[in-house]
Structures are given as C-alpha cells and as structure tokens.
C-alpha cells in the first residue's frame, strides 16, 4: 500500500471523478506548481491517470502519453490503486 502525504491525499480526494487541472486547483489549497508536481508523482506511482476528451466517442479516454509541461491540457482520475491508497488512510 502506498503511503500518501497530505498534499497527495487532498489531490486524490478530488479525483474520484474525472476533473480538469483547473478544478483541482480550486479544490486544494496549494500553488499550481505544487499541484502539478504532485499529479506527476501520482501518475508515476500509477495512482492517477491523465485523461483527454475524445470528440468521437463523447467521453474521456485514458491518455497514455501526456505533456508534463502542459498539465492544463488534461483531466485526471484516480486509479483503483489510488482510491484504495486514499481510502486506506
């Protein structure tokens, strides 16, 4: 099980549903650069996935490649592992 720090816990708390970067910034009391770094860490730990809107299917699809310099271009969702880590604390 992954140990989460306070910022990771608060970010995961917002990601039970797909949320854009801007919405995450509204929900957690941290600077954008800190939130971006935490998201990158959570993605690396496979606790969060980056999502992109697909106009063809009219739904979000997992983006296996994301531009870490442009976090605003994506939405984010906690994985099953991320939800389990969040609920385990």
N, C-alpha and C. Protein backbone atom coordinates (compact mmCIF):
# COMPACT_ATOMS: atom_id res chain seq x y z
N UNK A 1 0.84 -1.18 0.00
CA UNK A 1 0.00 0.00 0.00
C UNK A 1 0.89 1.24 0.00
N UNK A 2 0.47 2.25 -0.75
CA UNK A 2 1.22 3.49 -0.85
C UNK A 2 0.91 4.41 0.33
N UNK A 3 1.94 4.97 0.92
CA UNK A 3 1.77 5.99 1.94
C UNK A 3 1.63 7.33 1.24
N UNK A 4 0.60 8.08 1.59
CA UNK A 4 0.35 9.37 0.97
C UNK A 4 0.70 10.50 1.92
N UNK A 5 1.31 11.55 1.37
CA UNK A 5 1.49 12.73 2.20
C UNK A 5 0.21 13.56 2.13
N UNK A 6 0.16 14.65 2.87
CA UNK A 6 -1.07 15.45 2.97
C UNK A 6 -1.53 15.99 1.62
N UNK A 7 -0.60 16.48 0.81
CA UNK A 7 -0.96 17.05 -0.49
C UNK A 7 -1.48 15.96 -1.42
N UNK A 8 -0.80 14.81 -1.46
CA UNK A 8 -1.27 13.70 -2.29
C UNK A 8 -2.67 13.27 -1.88
N UNK A 9 -2.90 13.19 -0.58
CA UNK A 9 -4.21 12.79 -0.06
C UNK A 9 -5.28 13.77 -0.53
N UNK A 10 -5.01 15.06 -0.41
CA UNK A 10 -6.01 16.07 -0.81
C UNK A 10 -6.27 16.06 -2.31
N UNK A 11 -5.22 15.85 -3.11
CA UNK A 11 -5.41 15.78 -4.57
C UNK A 11 -6.24 14.55 -4.92
N UNK A 12 -5.91 13.40 -4.35
CA UNK A 12 -6.69 12.19 -4.63
C UNK A 12 -8.14 12.35 -4.20
N UNK A 13 -8.37 13.09 -3.15
CA UNK A 13 -9.73 13.32 -2.65
C UNK A 13 -10.62 13.97 -3.71
N UNK A 14 -10.02 14.73 -4.61
CA UNK A 14 -10.75 15.43 -5.67
C UNK A 14 -10.96 14.53 -6.89
N UNK A 15 -10.20 13.45 -7.00
CA UNK A 15 -10.15 12.69 -8.25
C UNK A 15 -10.96 11.39 -8.25
N UNK A 16 -12.05 11.37 -7.54
CA UNK A 16 -12.95 10.21 -7.61
C UNK A 16 -13.69 10.21 -8.94
N UNK A 17 -13.77 11.38 -9.56
CA UNK A 17 -14.34 11.53 -10.90
C UNK A 17 -13.33 12.30 -11.73
N UNK A 18 -13.46 12.23 -13.05
CA UNK A 18 -12.53 12.95 -13.93
C UNK A 18 -12.67 14.45 -13.68
N UNK A 19 -11.54 15.09 -13.39
CA UNK A 19 -11.53 16.53 -13.11
C UNK A 19 -10.41 17.22 -13.89
N UNK A 20 -10.70 18.39 -14.47
CA UNK A 20 -9.65 19.15 -15.14
C UNK A 20 -8.69 19.76 -14.11
N UNK A 21 -7.52 20.10 -14.56
CA UNK A 21 -6.49 20.67 -13.70
C UNK A 21 -7.02 21.90 -12.95
N UNK A 22 -7.76 22.76 -13.65
CA UNK A 22 -8.28 23.98 -13.04
C UNK A 22 -9.19 23.67 -11.85
N UNK A 23 -10.01 22.64 -11.97
CA UNK A 23 -10.92 22.26 -10.88
C UNK A 23 -10.13 21.76 -9.67
N UNK A 24 -9.06 21.01 -9.92
CA UNK A 24 -8.22 20.53 -8.83
C UNK A 24 -7.62 21.73 -8.09
N UNK A 25 -7.17 22.73 -8.85
CA UNK A 25 -6.60 23.93 -8.23
C UNK A 25 -7.62 24.66 -7.36
N UNK A 26 -8.89 24.63 -7.77
CA UNK A 26 -9.95 25.27 -6.97
C UNK A 26 -10.19 24.52 -5.67
N UNK A 27 -9.99 23.22 -5.68
CA UNK A 27 -10.35 22.36 -4.55
C UNK A 27 -9.25 22.17 -3.51
N UNK A 28 -8.00 22.33 -3.91
CA UNK A 28 -6.91 22.12 -2.96
C UNK A 28 -6.16 23.44 -2.74
N UNK A 29 -5.73 23.70 -1.50
CA UNK A 29 -5.13 24.99 -1.15
C UNK A 29 -3.61 25.06 -1.39
N UNK A 30 -3.19 24.66 -2.57
CA UNK A 30 -1.75 24.67 -2.87
C UNK A 30 -1.51 25.37 -4.19
N UNK A 31 -0.28 25.86 -4.36
CA UNK A 31 0.10 26.56 -5.58
C UNK A 31 0.05 25.62 -6.79
N UNK A 32 -0.23 26.16 -7.98
CA UNK A 32 -0.31 25.32 -9.19
C UNK A 32 0.93 24.47 -9.43
N UNK A 33 2.12 25.00 -9.17
CA UNK A 33 3.33 24.20 -9.42
C UNK A 33 3.41 23.01 -8.46
N UNK A 34 2.94 23.17 -7.23
CA UNK A 34 2.94 22.06 -6.27
C UNK A 34 1.93 21.01 -6.69
N UNK A 35 0.74 21.44 -7.09
CA UNK A 35 -0.29 20.50 -7.54
C UNK A 35 0.20 19.75 -8.78
N UNK A 36 0.82 20.45 -9.71
CA UNK A 36 1.35 19.79 -10.91
C UNK A 36 2.40 18.75 -10.55
N UNK A 37 3.30 19.08 -9.63
CA UNK A 37 4.33 18.12 -9.22
C UNK A 37 3.72 16.90 -8.54
N UNK A 38 2.71 17.13 -7.70
CA UNK A 38 2.04 16.02 -7.01
C UNK A 38 1.32 15.13 -8.03
N UNK A 39 0.65 15.73 -9.00
CA UNK A 39 -0.02 14.93 -10.03
C UNK A 39 0.99 14.08 -10.80
N UNK A 40 2.12 14.66 -11.15
CA UNK A 40 3.15 13.90 -11.87
C UNK A 40 3.62 12.72 -11.03
N UNK A 41 3.81 12.96 -9.73
CA UNK A 41 4.23 11.88 -8.83
C UNK A 41 3.16 10.79 -8.74
N UNK A 42 1.90 11.20 -8.60
CA UNK A 42 0.81 10.23 -8.50
C UNK A 42 0.65 9.43 -9.80
N UNK A 43 0.87 10.08 -10.93
CA UNK A 43 0.83 9.37 -12.22
C UNK A 43 1.98 8.36 -12.27
N UNK A 44 3.16 8.79 -11.85
CA UNK A 44 4.32 7.88 -11.84
C UNK A 44 4.08 6.67 -10.94
N UNK A 45 3.40 6.87 -9.81
CA UNK A 45 3.08 5.78 -8.88
C UNK A 45 1.88 4.96 -9.34
N UNK A 46 1.28 5.35 -10.49
CA UNK A 46 0.10 4.68 -11.05
C UNK A 46 -1.13 4.81 -10.14
N UNK A 47 -1.20 5.92 -9.41
CA UNK A 47 -2.36 6.19 -8.57
C UNK A 47 -3.35 7.14 -9.25
N UNK A 48 -2.89 7.78 -10.33
CA UNK A 48 -3.72 8.70 -11.11
C UNK A 48 -3.40 8.50 -12.57
N UNK A 49 -4.40 8.71 -13.43
CA UNK A 49 -4.17 8.67 -14.88
C UNK A 49 -4.60 10.00 -15.49
N UNK A 50 -3.88 10.39 -16.54
CA UNK A 50 -4.25 11.58 -17.31
C UNK A 50 -5.31 11.17 -18.33
N UNK A 51 -6.29 12.04 -18.52
CA UNK A 51 -7.41 11.75 -19.43
C UNK A 51 -7.54 12.89 -20.45
N UNK A 52 -7.98 12.54 -21.67
CA UNK A 52 -8.26 13.53 -22.71
C UNK A 52 -9.67 13.29 -23.22
N UNK A 53 -10.38 14.37 -23.55
CA UNK A 53 -11.72 14.27 -24.11
C UNK A 53 -11.62 13.78 -25.55
N UNK A 54 -12.43 12.80 -25.90
CA UNK A 54 -12.49 12.25 -27.25
C UNK A 54 -13.81 12.68 -27.87
N UNK A 55 -13.74 13.55 -28.87
CA UNK A 55 -14.95 14.06 -29.51
C UNK A 55 -15.74 12.99 -30.24
N UNK A 56 -15.06 11.96 -30.73
CA UNK A 56 -15.74 10.91 -31.48
C UNK A 56 -16.67 10.10 -30.57
N UNK A 57 -16.17 9.66 -29.44
CA UNK A 57 -16.97 8.84 -28.54
C UNK A 57 -17.69 9.67 -27.46
N UNK A 58 -17.39 11.00 -27.44
CA UNK A 58 -18.01 11.90 -26.47
C UNK A 58 -17.80 11.45 -25.02
N UNK A 59 -16.56 11.10 -24.74
CA UNK A 59 -16.21 10.67 -23.39
C UNK A 59 -14.71 10.86 -23.20
N UNK A 60 -14.28 10.79 -21.95
CA UNK A 60 -12.85 10.86 -21.66
C UNK A 60 -12.21 9.51 -21.94
N UNK A 61 -10.99 9.57 -22.48
CA UNK A 61 -10.20 8.36 -22.70
C UNK A 61 -8.86 8.55 -22.02
N UNK A 62 -8.34 7.45 -21.51
CA UNK A 62 -7.04 7.50 -20.86
C UNK A 62 -5.97 7.92 -21.86
N UNK A 63 -5.15 8.86 -21.45
CA UNK A 63 -4.05 9.32 -22.28
C UNK A 63 -2.77 8.67 -21.78
N UNK A 64 -2.22 7.74 -22.55
CA UNK A 64 -1.05 7.01 -22.10
C UNK A 64 0.21 7.87 -22.18
N UNK A 65 0.14 8.92 -22.99
CA UNK A 65 1.24 9.87 -23.09
C UNK A 65 0.66 11.23 -22.74
N UNK A 66 1.33 11.97 -21.86
CA UNK A 66 0.87 13.31 -21.56
C UNK A 66 2.07 14.25 -21.50
N UNK A 67 1.81 15.51 -21.76
CA UNK A 67 2.84 16.54 -21.76
C UNK A 67 2.93 17.12 -20.35
N UNK A 68 3.94 16.74 -19.61
CA UNK A 68 4.07 17.17 -18.21
C UNK A 68 4.33 18.67 -18.09
N UNK A 69 4.67 19.33 -19.20
CA UNK A 69 4.84 20.78 -19.19
C UNK A 69 3.53 21.51 -19.45
N UNK A 70 2.48 20.76 -19.77
CA UNK A 70 1.18 21.37 -20.07
C UNK A 70 0.08 20.61 -19.34
N UNK A 71 0.13 20.64 -18.02
CA UNK A 71 -0.81 19.90 -17.19
C UNK A 71 -2.26 20.38 -17.38
N UNK A 72 -2.42 21.64 -17.81
CA UNK A 72 -3.76 22.20 -18.01
C UNK A 72 -4.50 21.55 -19.18
N UNK A 73 -3.79 20.87 -20.05
CA UNK A 73 -4.40 20.27 -21.24
C UNK A 73 -5.12 18.96 -20.95
N UNK A 74 -5.04 18.48 -19.72
CA UNK A 74 -5.58 17.17 -19.38
C UNK A 74 -6.54 17.26 -18.20
N UNK A 75 -7.32 16.20 -18.08
CA UNK A 75 -8.11 15.98 -16.87
C UNK A 75 -7.51 14.76 -16.20
N UNK A 76 -7.88 14.53 -14.94
CA UNK A 76 -7.23 13.49 -14.16
C UNK A 76 -8.25 12.66 -13.40
N UNK A 77 -7.90 11.40 -13.17
CA UNK A 77 -8.77 10.47 -12.47
C UNK A 77 -7.92 9.52 -11.63
N UNK A 78 -8.36 9.28 -10.40
CA UNK A 78 -7.67 8.31 -9.55
C UNK A 78 -7.89 6.91 -10.11
N UNK A 79 -6.87 6.08 -10.05
CA UNK A 79 -6.99 4.68 -10.44
C UNK A 79 -7.57 3.90 -9.27
N UNK A 80 -7.84 2.63 -9.51
CA UNK A 80 -8.31 1.77 -8.43
C UNK A 80 -7.29 1.76 -7.29
N UNK A 81 -6.01 1.66 -7.65
CA UNK A 81 -4.95 1.67 -6.64
C UNK A 81 -4.92 2.99 -5.89
N UNK A 82 -5.16 4.08 -6.61
CA UNK A 82 -5.19 5.39 -5.98
C UNK A 82 -6.33 5.52 -5.00
N UNK A 83 -7.50 5.01 -5.38
CA UNK A 83 -8.66 5.06 -4.48
C UNK A 83 -8.42 4.19 -3.25
N UNK A 84 -7.81 3.04 -3.43
CA UNK A 84 -7.52 2.16 -2.30
C UNK A 84 -6.52 2.81 -1.36
N UNK A 85 -5.49 3.47 -1.92
CA UNK A 85 -4.50 4.16 -1.08
C UNK A 85 -5.17 5.30 -0.32
N UNK A 86 -6.05 6.02 -0.99
CA UNK A 86 -6.75 7.15 -0.37
C UNK A 86 -7.67 6.66 0.75
N UNK A 87 -8.40 5.60 0.49
CA UNK A 87 -9.33 5.08 1.49
C UNK A 87 -8.64 4.38 2.64
N UNK A 88 -7.40 3.92 2.43
CA UNK A 88 -6.67 3.21 3.45
C UNK A 88 -6.04 4.12 4.50
N UNK A 89 -6.16 5.43 4.28
CA UNK A 89 -5.54 6.37 5.24
C UNK A 89 -6.54 6.98 6.18
